[in-house]
Amino acid sequence: MKREVDIGAADSVEPGQRKLAFIDGRSVVVFNVEGSLHAIENSCPHNGASMAGGRLEGSVITCPAHGLRFDLRTGCMPGVEGLCLNVLPVRTADGKLMVEVE
């Protein structure tokens, strides 16, 4: 069953920033890329490494453990078929930052 979870104020993630949250024991990271919000589970699909501290260039994040790169808009590796991050729907509503989880 899908539901939305409030993880803080809508303005708590300014452009260029990220926010780590824990939802039902799951680690989630929300990124603000030039005003566009993106949420992912905080786990690289390659080996489970935390993505929260990865280098962000535009909408592409690099896994700090092995250097794999993922586009936050799709969750997938740019130009390559293969591994994808688990992308979660995220939006702002009534001044709150809402992430959809199952």
PDB file of N, CA and C in Angstrom:
ATOM      1  N   MET A   1       0.828  -1.167   0.000  1.00  0.00           N
ATOM      2  CA  MET A   1       0.000   0.000   0.000  1.00  0.00           C
ATOM      3  C   MET A   1       0.885   1.249   0.000  1.00  0.00           C
ATOM      4  N   LYS A   2       0.625   2.155  -0.916  1.00  0.00           N
ATOM      5  CA  LYS A   2       1.418   3.377  -1.016  1.00  0.00           C
ATOM      6  C   LYS A   2       0.860   4.440  -0.078  1.00  0.00           C
ATOM      7  N   ARG A   3       1.791   5.224   0.486  1.00  0.00           N
ATOM      8  CA  ARG A   3       1.376   6.338   1.328  1.00  0.00           C
ATOM      9  C   ARG A   3       2.438   7.420   1.281  1.00  0.00           C
ATOM     10  N   GLU A   4       2.037   8.646   1.565  1.00  0.00           N
ATOM     11  CA  GLU A   4       2.978   9.752   1.599  1.00  0.00           C
ATOM     12  C   GLU A   4       3.397  10.023   3.041  1.00  0.00           C
ATOM     13  N   VAL A   5       4.688  10.311   3.225  1.00  0.00           N
ATOM     14  CA  VAL A   5       5.232  10.565   4.547  1.00  0.00           C
ATOM     15  C   VAL A   5       5.843  11.964   4.560  1.00  0.00           C
ATOM     16  N   ASP A   6       5.501  12.728   5.588  1.00  0.00           N
ATOM     17  CA  ASP A   6       6.027  14.073   5.795  1.00  0.00           C
ATOM     18  C   ASP A   6       7.432  13.946   6.392  1.00  0.00           C
ATOM     19  N   ILE A   7       8.437  14.486   5.684  1.00  0.00           N
ATOM     20  CA  ILE A   7       9.808  14.410   6.215  1.00  0.00           C
ATOM     21  C   ILE A   7      10.367  15.784   6.567  1.00  0.00           C
ATOM     22  N   GLY A   8       9.503  16.785   6.663  1.00  0.00           N
ATOM     23  CA  GLY A   8       9.967  18.097   7.091  1.00  0.00           C
ATOM     24  C   GLY A   8       9.376  19.222   6.274  1.00  0.00           C
ATOM     25  N   ALA A   9       9.870  20.410   6.545  1.00  0.00           N
ATOM     26  CA  ALA A   9       9.385  21.596   5.858  1.00  0.00           C
ATOM     27  C   ALA A   9       9.806  21.585   4.397  1.00  0.00           C
ATOM     28  N   ALA A  10       8.918  22.091   3.547  1.00  0.00           N
ATOM     29  CA  ALA A  10       9.181  22.117   2.103  1.00  0.00           C
ATOM     30  C   ALA A  10      10.450  22.888   1.779  1.00  0.00           C
ATOM     31  N   ASP A  11      10.774  23.913   2.575  1.00  0.00           N
ATOM     32  CA  ASP A  11      11.970  24.713   2.300  1.00  0.00           C
ATOM     33  C   ASP A  11      13.206  24.203   3.031  1.00  0.00           C
ATOM     34  N   SER A  12      13.145  22.978   3.564  1.00  0.00           N
ATOM     35  CA  SER A  12      14.292  22.424   4.298  1.00  0.00           C
ATOM     36  C   SER A  12      15.388  21.908   3.368  1.00  0.00           C
ATOM     37  N   VAL A  13      15.097  21.838   2.068  1.00  0.00           N
ATOM     38  CA  VAL A  13      16.096  21.394   1.091  1.00  0.00           C
ATOM     39  C   VAL A  13      16.179  22.464   0.003  1.00  0.00           C
ATOM     40  N   GLU A  14      17.122  23.371   0.165  1.00  0.00           N
ATOM     41  CA  GLU A  14      17.317  24.452  -0.801  1.00  0.00           C
ATOM     42  C   GLU A  14      18.045  23.915  -2.035  1.00  0.00           C
ATOM     43  N   PRO A  15      17.982  24.623  -3.179  1.00  0.00           N
ATOM     44  CA  PRO A  15      18.718  24.184  -4.367  1.00  0.00           C
ATOM     45  C   PRO A  15      20.192  23.914  -4.042  1.00  0.00           C
ATOM     46  N   GLY A  16      20.666  22.762  -4.508  1.00  0.00           N
ATOM     47  CA  GLY A  16      22.046  22.347  -4.263  1.00  0.00           C
ATOM     48  C   GLY A  16      22.227  21.555  -2.985  1.00  0.00           C
ATOM     49  N   GLN A  17      21.161  21.426  -2.192  1.00  0.00           N
ATOM     50  CA  GLN A  17      21.262  20.699  -0.925  1.00  0.00           C
ATOM     51  C   GLN A  17      20.615  19.318  -1.032  1.00  0.00           C
ATOM     52  N   ARG A  18      20.836  18.540   0.012  1.00  0.00           N
ATOM     53  CA  ARG A  18      20.228  17.208   0.126  1.00  0.00           C
ATOM     54  C   ARG A  18      19.806  16.993   1.565  1.00  0.00           C
ATOM     55  N   LYS A  19      18.880  16.083   1.755  1.00  0.00           N
ATOM     56  CA  LYS A  19      18.368  15.789   3.097  1.00  0.00           C
ATOM     57  C   LYS A  19      18.226  14.288   3.254  1.00  0.00           C
ATOM     58  N   LEU A  20      18.767  13.772   4.336  1.00  0.00           N
ATOM     59  CA  LEU A  20      18.666  12.354   4.665  1.00  0.00           C
ATOM     60  C   LEU A  20      17.507  12.175   5.639  1.00  0.00           C
ATOM     61  N   ALA A  21      16.657  11.197   5.381  1.00  0.00           N
ATOM     62  CA  ALA A  21      15.522  10.915   6.257  1.00  0.00           C
ATOM     63  C   ALA A  21      15.390   9.409   6.431  1.00  0.00           C
ATOM     64  N   PHE A  22      14.769   9.003   7.512  1.00  0.00           N
ATOM     65  CA  PHE A  22      14.513   7.588   7.763  1.00  0.00           C
ATOM     66  C   PHE A  22      13.005   7.382   7.832  1.00  0.00           C
ATOM     67  N   ILE A  23      12.508   6.498   6.961  1.00  0.00           N
ATOM     68  CA  ILE A  23      11.078   6.223   6.877  1.00  0.00           C
ATOM     69  C   ILE A  23      10.873   4.723   7.063  1.00  0.00           C
ATOM     70  N   ASP A  24      10.214   4.358   8.139  1.00  0.00           N
ATOM     71  CA  ASP A  24       9.939   2.941   8.423  1.00  0.00           C
ATOM     72  C   ASP A  24      11.202   2.089   8.316  1.00  0.00           C
ATOM     73  N   GLY A  25      12.306   2.572   8.861  1.00  0.00           N
ATOM     74  CA  GLY A  25      13.558   1.832   8.848  1.00  0.00           C
ATOM     75  C   GLY A  25      14.335   1.914   7.548  1.00  0.00           C
ATOM     76  N   ARG A  26      13.805   2.638   6.573  1.00  0.00           N
ATOM     77  CA  ARG A  26      14.488   2.809   5.284  1.00  0.00           C
ATOM     78  C   ARG A  26      15.167   4.164   5.259  1.00  0.00           C
ATOM     79  N   SER A  27      16.373   4.193   4.741  1.00  0.00           N
ATOM     80  CA  SER A  27      17.108   5.438   4.582  1.00  0.00           C
ATOM     81  C   SER A  27      16.808   6.011   3.202  1.00  0.00           C
ATOM     82  N   VAL A  28      16.385   7.290   3.182  1.00  0.00           N
ATOM     83  CA  VAL A  28      15.979   7.969   1.955  1.00  0.00           C
ATOM     84  C   VAL A  28      16.734   9.290   1.870  1.00  0.00           C
ATOM     85  N   VAL A  29      17.138   9.676   0.653  1.00  0.00           N
ATOM     86  CA  VAL A  29      17.788  10.966   0.450  1.00  0.00           C
ATOM     87  C   VAL A  29      16.973  11.770  -0.556  1.00  0.00           C
ATOM     88  N   VAL A  30      16.721  13.038  -0.203  1.00  0.00           N
ATOM     89  CA  VAL A  30      16.030  13.960  -1.104  1.00  0.00           C
ATOM     90  C   VAL A  30      17.045  14.997  -1.559  1.00  0.00           C
ATOM     91  N   PHE A  31      17.119  15.219  -2.860  1.00  0.00           N
ATOM     92  CA  PHE A  31      18.033  16.187  -3.462  1.00  0.00           C
ATOM     93  C   PHE A  31      17.221  17.299  -4.099  1.00  0.00           C
ATOM     94  N   ASN A  32      17.724  18.524  -4.023  1.00  0.00           N
ATOM     95  CA  ASN A  32      17.132  19.643  -4.741  1.00  0.00           C
ATOM     96  C   ASN A  32      18.136  20.033  -5.816  1.00  0.00           C
ATOM     97  N   VAL A  33      17.811  19.715  -7.061  1.00  0.00           N
ATOM     98  CA  VAL A  33      18.675  20.019  -8.199  1.00  0.00           C
ATOM     99  C   VAL A  33      18.036  21.169  -8.963  1.00  0.00           C
ATOM    100  N   GLU A  34      18.586  22.348  -8.767  1.00  0.00           N
ATOM    101  CA  GLU A  34      18.098  23.555  -9.452  1.00  0.00           C
ATOM    102  C   GLU A  34      16.587  23.737  -9.286  1.00  0.00           C
ATOM    103  N   GLY A  35      16.086  23.499  -8.072  1.00  0.00           N
ATOM    104  CA  GLY A  35      14.672  23.691  -7.789  1.00  0.00           C
ATOM    105  C   GLY A  35      13.794  22.480  -8.033  1.00  0.00           C
ATOM    106  N   SER A  36      14.364  21.407  -8.580  1.00  0.00           N
ATOM    107  CA  SER A  36      13.609  20.186  -8.841  1.00  0.00           C
ATOM    108  C   SER A  36      13.970  19.138  -7.786  1.00  0.00           C
ATOM    109  N   LEU A  37      12.967  18.580  -7.116  1.00  0.00           N
ATOM    110  CA  LEU A  37      13.200  17.601  -6.063  1.00  0.00           C
ATOM    111  C   LEU A  37      13.277  16.181  -6.616  1.00  0.00           C
ATOM    112  N   HIS A  38      14.210  15.411  -6.051  1.00  0.00           N
ATOM    113  CA  HIS A  38      14.392  14.000  -6.422  1.00  0.00           C
ATOM    114  C   HIS A  38      14.641  13.217  -5.141  1.00  0.00           C
ATOM    115  N   ALA A  39      13.988  12.063  -4.997  1.00  0.00           N
ATOM    116  CA  ALA A  39      14.180  11.224  -3.821  1.00  0.00           C
ATOM    117  C   ALA A  39      14.591   9.823  -4.257  1.00  0.00           C
ATOM    118  N   ILE A  40      15.550   9.259  -3.518  1.00  0.00           N
ATOM    119  CA  ILE A  40      16.019   7.898  -3.783  1.00  0.00           C
ATOM    120  C   ILE A  40      16.186   7.163  -2.462  1.00  0.00           C
ATOM    121  N   GLU A  41      16.138   5.839  -2.533  1.00  0.00           N
ATOM    122  CA  GLU A  41      16.549   5.056  -1.375  1.00  0.00           C
ATOM    123  C   GLU A  41      18.060   5.202  -1.284  1.00  0.00           C
ATOM    124  N   ASN A  42      18.568   5.326  -0.079  1.00  0.00           N
ATOM    125  CA  ASN A  42      19.984   5.611   0.152  1.00  0.00           C
ATOM    126  C   ASN A  42      20.820   4.343   0.071  1.00  0.00           C
ATOM    127  N   SER A  43      20.784   3.691  -1.075  1.00  0.00           N
ATOM    128  CA  SER A  43      21.506   2.438  -1.246  1.00  0.00           C
ATOM    129  C   SER A  43      21.862   2.243  -2.713  1.00  0.00           C
ATOM    130  N   CYS A  44      23.153   2.110  -2.991  1.00  0.00           N
ATOM    131  CA  CYS A  44      23.590   1.843  -4.361  1.00  0.00           C
ATOM    132  C   CYS A  44      23.158   0.427  -4.745  1.00  0.00           C
ATOM    133  N   PRO A  45      22.576   0.232  -5.917  1.00  0.00           N
ATOM    134  CA  PRO A  45      22.132  -1.107  -6.308  1.00  0.00           C
ATOM    135  C   PRO A  45      23.292  -2.073  -6.554  1.00  0.00           C
ATOM    136  N   HIS A  46      24.504  -1.549  -6.686  1.00  0.00           N
ATOM    137  CA  HIS A  46      25.664  -2.404  -6.934  1.00  0.00           C
ATOM    138  C   HIS A  46      26.060  -3.181  -5.689  1.00  0.00           C
ATOM    139  N   ASN A  47      26.219  -2.447  -4.553  1.00  0.00           N
ATOM    140  CA  ASN A  47      26.707  -3.133  -3.363  1.00  0.00           C
ATOM    141  C   ASN A  47      26.122  -2.561  -2.079  1.00  0.00           C
ATOM    142  N   GLY A  48      25.057  -1.760  -2.187  1.00  0.00           N
ATOM    143  CA  GLY A  48      24.382  -1.250  -1.006  1.00  0.00           C
ATOM    144  C   GLY A  48      25.027  -0.058  -0.322  1.00  0.00           C
ATOM    145  N   ALA A  49      26.044   0.541  -0.928  1.00  0.00           N
ATOM    146  CA  ALA A  49      26.721   1.682  -0.313  1.00  0.00           C
ATOM    147  C   ALA A  49      25.776   2.877  -0.193  1.00  0.00           C
ATOM    148  N   SER A  50      26.004   3.702   0.818  1.00  0.00           N
ATOM    149  CA  SER A  50      25.209   4.915   1.013  1.00  0.00           C
ATOM    150  C   SER A  50      25.483   5.897  -0.120  1.00  0.00           C
ATOM    151  N   MET A  51      24.406   6.446  -0.682  1.00  0.00           N
ATOM    152  CA  MET A  51      24.522   7.434  -1.761  1.00  0.00           C
ATOM    153  C   MET A  51      24.462   8.866  -1.237  1.00  0.00           C
ATOM    154  N   ALA A  52      24.119   9.044   0.038  1.00  0.00           N
ATOM    155  CA  ALA A  52      23.894  10.376   0.608  1.00  0.00           C
ATOM    156  C   ALA A  52      25.095  11.302   0.447  1.00  0.00           C
ATOM    157  N   GLY A  53      26.294  10.770   0.504  1.00  0.00           N
ATOM    158  CA  GLY A  53      27.498  11.596   0.408  1.00  0.00           C
ATOM    159  C   GLY A  53      28.109  11.627  -0.977  1.00  0.00           C
ATOM    160  N   GLY A  54      27.419  11.091  -1.962  1.00  0.00           N
ATOM    161  CA  GLY A  54      27.958  11.038  -3.318  1.00  0.00           C
ATOM    162  C   GLY A  54      28.109  12.415  -3.941  1.00  0.00           C
ATOM    163  N   ARG A  55      29.070  12.546  -4.848  1.00  0.00           N
ATOM    164  CA  ARG A  55      29.294  13.805  -5.565  1.00  0.00           C
ATOM    165  C   ARG A  55      28.169  14.016  -6.568  1.00  0.00           C
ATOM    166  N   LEU A  56      27.597  15.208  -6.548  1.00  0.00           N
ATOM    167  CA  LEU A  56      26.485  15.535  -7.432  1.00  0.00           C
ATOM    168  C   LEU A  56      26.952  16.539  -8.476  1.00  0.00           C
ATOM    169  N   GLU A  57      26.769  16.185  -9.743  1.00  0.00           N
ATOM    170  CA  GLU A  57      27.072  17.070 -10.874  1.00  0.00           C
ATOM    171  C   GLU A  57      25.811  17.178 -11.701  1.00  0.00           C
ATOM    172  N   GLY A  58      25.143  18.343 -11.618  1.00  0.00           N
ATOM    173  CA  GLY A  58      23.843  18.469 -12.266  1.00  0.00           C
ATOM    174  C   GLY A  58      22.893  17.505 -11.602  1.00  0.00           C
ATOM    175  N   SER A  59      22.275  16.637 -12.384  1.00  0.00           N
ATOM    176  CA  SER A  59      21.356  15.648 -11.812  1.00  0.00           C
ATOM    177  C   SER A  59      21.990  14.262 -11.708  1.00  0.00           C
ATOM    178  N   VAL A  60      23.309  14.176 -11.894  1.00  0.00           N
ATOM    179  CA  VAL A  60      23.995  12.884 -11.850  1.00  0.00           C
ATOM    180  C   VAL A  60      24.781  12.758 -10.544  1.00  0.00           C
ATOM    181  N   ILE A  61      24.503  11.685  -9.807  1.00  0.00           N
ATOM    182  CA  ILE A  61      25.206  11.419  -8.559  1.00  0.00           C
ATOM    183  C   ILE A  61      26.176  10.263  -8.754  1.00  0.00           C
ATOM    184  N   THR A  62      27.335  10.384  -8.124  1.00  0.00           N
ATOM    185  CA  THR A  62      28.359   9.347  -8.204  1.00  0.00           C
ATOM    186  C   THR A  62      28.425   8.607  -6.877  1.00  0.00           C
ATOM    187  N   CYS A  63      28.361   7.291  -6.945  1.00  0.00           N
ATOM    188  CA  CYS A  63      28.454   6.468  -5.739  1.00  0.00           C
ATOM    189  C   CYS A  63      29.847   6.640  -5.145  1.00  0.00           C
ATOM    190  N   PRO A  64      29.938   6.996  -3.861  1.00  0.00           N
ATOM    191  CA  PRO A  64      31.247   7.204  -3.251  1.00  0.00           C
ATOM    192  C   PRO A  64      32.054   5.918  -3.089  1.00  0.00           C
ATOM    193  N   ALA A  65      31.414   4.758  -3.144  1.00  0.00           N
ATOM    194  CA  ALA A  65      32.133   3.501  -2.932  1.00  0.00           C
ATOM    195  C   ALA A  65      32.861   3.009  -4.185  1.00  0.00           C
ATOM    196  N   HIS A  66      32.187   3.021  -5.339  1.00  0.00           N
ATOM    197  CA  HIS A  66      32.780   2.426  -6.532  1.00  0.00           C
ATOM    198  C   HIS A  66      32.714   3.316  -7.769  1.00  0.00           C
ATOM    199  N   GLY A  67      32.195   4.532  -7.624  1.00  0.00           N
ATOM    200  CA  GLY A  67      32.210   5.476  -8.739  1.00  0.00           C
ATOM    201  C   GLY A  67      31.114   5.311  -9.771  1.00  0.00           C
ATOM    202  N   LEU A  68      30.148   4.431  -9.533  1.00  0.00           N
ATOM    203  CA  LEU A  68      29.046   4.302 -10.490  1.00  0.00           C
ATOM    204  C   LEU A  68      28.232   5.593 -10.477  1.00  0.00           C
ATOM    205  N   ARG A  69      27.737   5.977 -11.649  1.00  0.00           N
ATOM    206  CA  ARG A  69      26.995   7.236 -11.791  1.00  0.00           C
ATOM    207  C   ARG A  69      25.549   6.951 -12.158  1.00  0.00           C
ATOM    208  N   PHE A  70      24.637   7.712 -11.523  1.00  0.00           N
ATOM    209  CA  PHE A  70      23.207   7.538 -11.734  1.00  0.00           C
ATOM    210  C   PHE A  70      22.551   8.894 -11.929  1.00  0.00           C
ATOM    211  N   ASP A  71      21.603   8.963 -12.866  1.00  0.00           N
ATOM    212  CA  ASP A  71      20.832  10.181 -13.083  1.00  0.00           C
ATOM    213  C   ASP A  71      19.652  10.158 -12.111  1.00  0.00           C
ATOM    214  N   LEU A  72      19.562  11.169 -11.251  1.00  0.00           N
ATOM    215  CA  LEU A  72      18.485  11.210 -10.255  1.00  0.00           C
ATOM    216  C   LEU A  72      17.102  11.308 -10.890  1.00  0.00           C
ATOM    217  N   ARG A  73      17.019  11.832 -12.111  1.00  0.00           N
ATOM    218  CA  ARG A  73      15.715  11.970 -12.770  1.00  0.00           C
ATOM    219  C   ARG A  73      15.128  10.617 -13.141  1.00  0.00           C
ATOM    220  N   THR A  74      15.970   9.665 -13.525  1.00  0.00           N
ATOM    221  CA  THR A  74      15.492   8.343 -13.937  1.00  0.00           C
ATOM    222  C   THR A  74      15.891   7.252 -12.951  1.00  0.00           C
ATOM    223  N   GLY A  75      16.950   7.502 -12.190  1.00  0.00           N
ATOM    224  CA  GLY A  75      17.495   6.508 -11.281  1.00  0.00           C
ATOM    225  C   GLY A  75      18.514   5.610 -11.950  1.00  0.00           C
ATOM    226  N   CYS A  76      18.625   5.692 -13.268  1.00  0.00           N
ATOM    227  CA  CYS A  76      19.477   4.762 -14.012  1.00  0.00           C
ATOM    228  C   CYS A  76      20.822   5.369 -14.401  1.00  0.00           C
ATOM    229  N   MET A  77      21.724   4.496 -14.784  1.00  0.00           N
ATOM    230  CA  MET A  77      23.042   4.921 -15.243  1.00  0.00           C
ATOM    231  C   MET A  77      22.888   5.594 -16.603  1.00  0.00           C
ATOM    232  N   PRO A  78      23.435   6.811 -16.774  1.00  0.00           N
ATOM    233  CA  PRO A  78      23.266   7.512 -18.051  1.00  0.00           C
ATOM    234  C   PRO A  78      23.914   6.766 -19.216  1.00  0.00           C
ATOM    235  N   GLY A  79      23.141   6.554 -20.283  1.00  0.00           N
ATOM    236  CA  GLY A  79      23.659   5.953 -21.506  1.00  0.00           C
ATOM    237  C   GLY A  79      23.987   4.478 -21.419  1.00  0.00           C
ATOM    238  N   VAL A  80      23.638   3.836 -20.311  1.00  0.00           N
ATOM    239  CA  VAL A  80      23.997   2.431 -20.120  1.00  0.00           C
ATOM    240  C   VAL A  80      22.779   1.679 -19.596  1.00  0.00           C
ATOM    241  N   GLU A  81      22.547   0.507 -20.171  1.00  0.00           N
ATOM    242  CA  GLU A  81      21.518  -0.368 -19.610  1.00  0.00           C
ATOM    243  C   GLU A  81      22.119  -1.037 -18.390  1.00  0.00           C
ATOM    244  N   GLY A  82      21.335  -1.184 -17.358  1.00  0.00           N
ATOM    245  CA  GLY A  82      21.886  -1.876 -16.196  1.00  0.00           C
ATOM    246  C   GLY A  82      21.259  -1.439 -14.899  1.00  0.00           C
ATOM    247  N   LEU A  83      22.102  -1.205 -13.922  1.00  0.00           N
ATOM    248  CA  LEU A  83      21.658  -0.914 -12.574  1.00  0.00           C
ATOM    249  C   LEU A  83      20.906   0.410 -12.481  1.00  0.00           C
ATOM    250  N   CYS A  84      19.903   0.437 -11.620  1.00  0.00           N
ATOM    251  CA  CYS A  84      19.134   1.659 -11.369  1.00  0.00           C
ATOM    252  C   CYS A  84      18.895   1.803  -9.869  1.00  0.00           C
ATOM    253  N   LEU A  85      18.904   3.044  -9.415  1.00  0.00           N
ATOM    254  CA  LEU A  85      18.535   3.360  -8.041  1.00  0.00           C
ATOM    255  C   LEU A  85      17.028   3.203  -7.882  1.00  0.00           C
ATOM    256  N   ASN A  86      16.580   3.028  -6.650  1.00  0.00           N
ATOM    257  CA  ASN A  86      15.151   3.003  -6.380  1.00  0.00           C
ATOM    258  C   ASN A  86      14.708   4.447  -6.165  1.00  0.00           C
ATOM    259  N   VAL A  87      13.987   5.005  -7.151  1.00  0.00           N
ATOM    260  CA  VAL A  87      13.516   6.384  -7.117  1.00  0.00           C
ATOM    261  C   VAL A  87      12.142   6.417  -6.453  1.00  0.00           C
ATOM    262  N   LEU A  88      11.942   7.395  -5.579  1.00  0.00           N
ATOM    263  CA  LEU A  88      10.676   7.540  -4.873  1.00  0.00           C
ATOM    264  C   LEU A  88      10.008   8.855  -5.278  1.00  0.00           C
ATOM    265  N   PRO A  89       8.689   8.856  -5.446  1.00  0.00           N
ATOM    266  CA  PRO A  89       7.999  10.110  -5.744  1.00  0.00           C
ATOM    267  C   PRO A  89       8.141  11.082  -4.572  1.00  0.00           C
ATOM    268  N   VAL A  90       8.392  12.355  -4.888  1.00  0.00           N
ATOM    269  CA  VAL A  90       8.537  13.389  -3.861  1.00  0.00           C
ATOM    270  C   VAL A  90       7.858  14.655  -4.353  1.00  0.00           C
ATOM    271  N   ARG A  91       7.230  15.385  -3.421  1.00  0.00           N
ATOM    272  CA  ARG A  91       6.575  16.644  -3.779  1.00  0.00           C
ATOM    273  C   ARG A  91       6.439  17.496  -2.531  1.00  0.00           C
ATOM    274  N   THR A  92       6.086  18.744  -2.749  1.00  0.00           N
ATOM    275  CA  THR A  92       5.764  19.612  -1.629  1.00  0.00           C
ATOM    276  C   THR A  92       4.253  19.812  -1.610  1.00  0.00           C
ATOM    277  N   ALA A  93       3.702  19.876  -0.403  1.00  0.00           N
ATOM    278  CA  ALA A  93       2.270  20.078  -0.234  1.00  0.00           C
ATOM    279  C   ALA A  93       2.029  20.766   1.109  1.00  0.00           C
ATOM    280  N   ASP A  94       1.321  21.858   1.075  1.00  0.00           N
ATOM    281  CA  ASP A  94       0.976  22.583   2.304  1.00  0.00           C
ATOM    282  C   ASP A  94       2.205  22.897   3.150  1.00  0.00           C
ATOM    283  N   GLY A  95       3.303  23.273   2.477  1.00  0.00           N
ATOM    284  CA  GLY A  95       4.529  23.645   3.181  1.00  0.00           C
ATOM    285  C   GLY A  95       5.324  22.478   3.711  1.00  0.00           C
ATOM    286  N   LYS A  96       4.968  21.250   3.294  1.00  0.00           N
ATOM    287  CA  LYS A  96       5.660  20.050   3.776  1.00  0.00           C
ATOM    288  C   LYS A  96       6.330  19.317   2.622  1.00  0.00           C
ATOM    289  N   LEU A  97       7.400  18.611   2.946  1.00  0.00           N
ATOM    290  CA  LEU A  97       8.108  17.782   1.986  1.00  0.00           C
ATOM    291  C   LEU A  97       7.576  16.371   2.141  1.00  0.00           C
ATOM    292  N   MET A  98       6.938  15.854   1.090  1.00  0.00           N
ATOM    293  CA  MET A  98       6.271  14.551   1.156  1.00  0.00           C
ATOM    294  C   MET A  98       6.953  13.541   0.236  1.00  0.00           C
ATOM    295  N   VAL A  99       7.258  12.354   0.783  1.00  0.00           N
ATOM    296  CA  VAL A  99       7.861  11.273   0.008  1.00  0.00           C
ATOM    297  C   VAL A  99       6.889  10.095   0.020  1.00  0.00           C
ATOM    298  N   GLU A 100       6.679   9.507  -1.161  1.00  0.00           N
ATOM    299  CA  GLU A 100       5.766   8.366  -1.268  1.00  0.00           C
ATOM    300  C   GLU A 100       6.543   7.062  -1.121  1.00  0.00           C
ATOM    301  N   VAL A 101       6.059   6.213  -0.228  1.00  0.00           N
ATOM    302  CA  VAL A 101       6.666   4.902   0.002  1.00  0.00           C
ATOM    303  C   VAL A 101       5.585   3.834  -0.048  1.00  0.00           C
ATOM    304  N   GLU A 102       6.017   2.586  -0.206  1.00  0.00           N
ATOM    305  CA  GLU A 102       5.073   1.455  -0.179  1.00  0.00           C
ATOM    306  C   GLU A 102       5.091   0.830   1.184  1.00  0.00           C
TER     307      GLU A 102
END
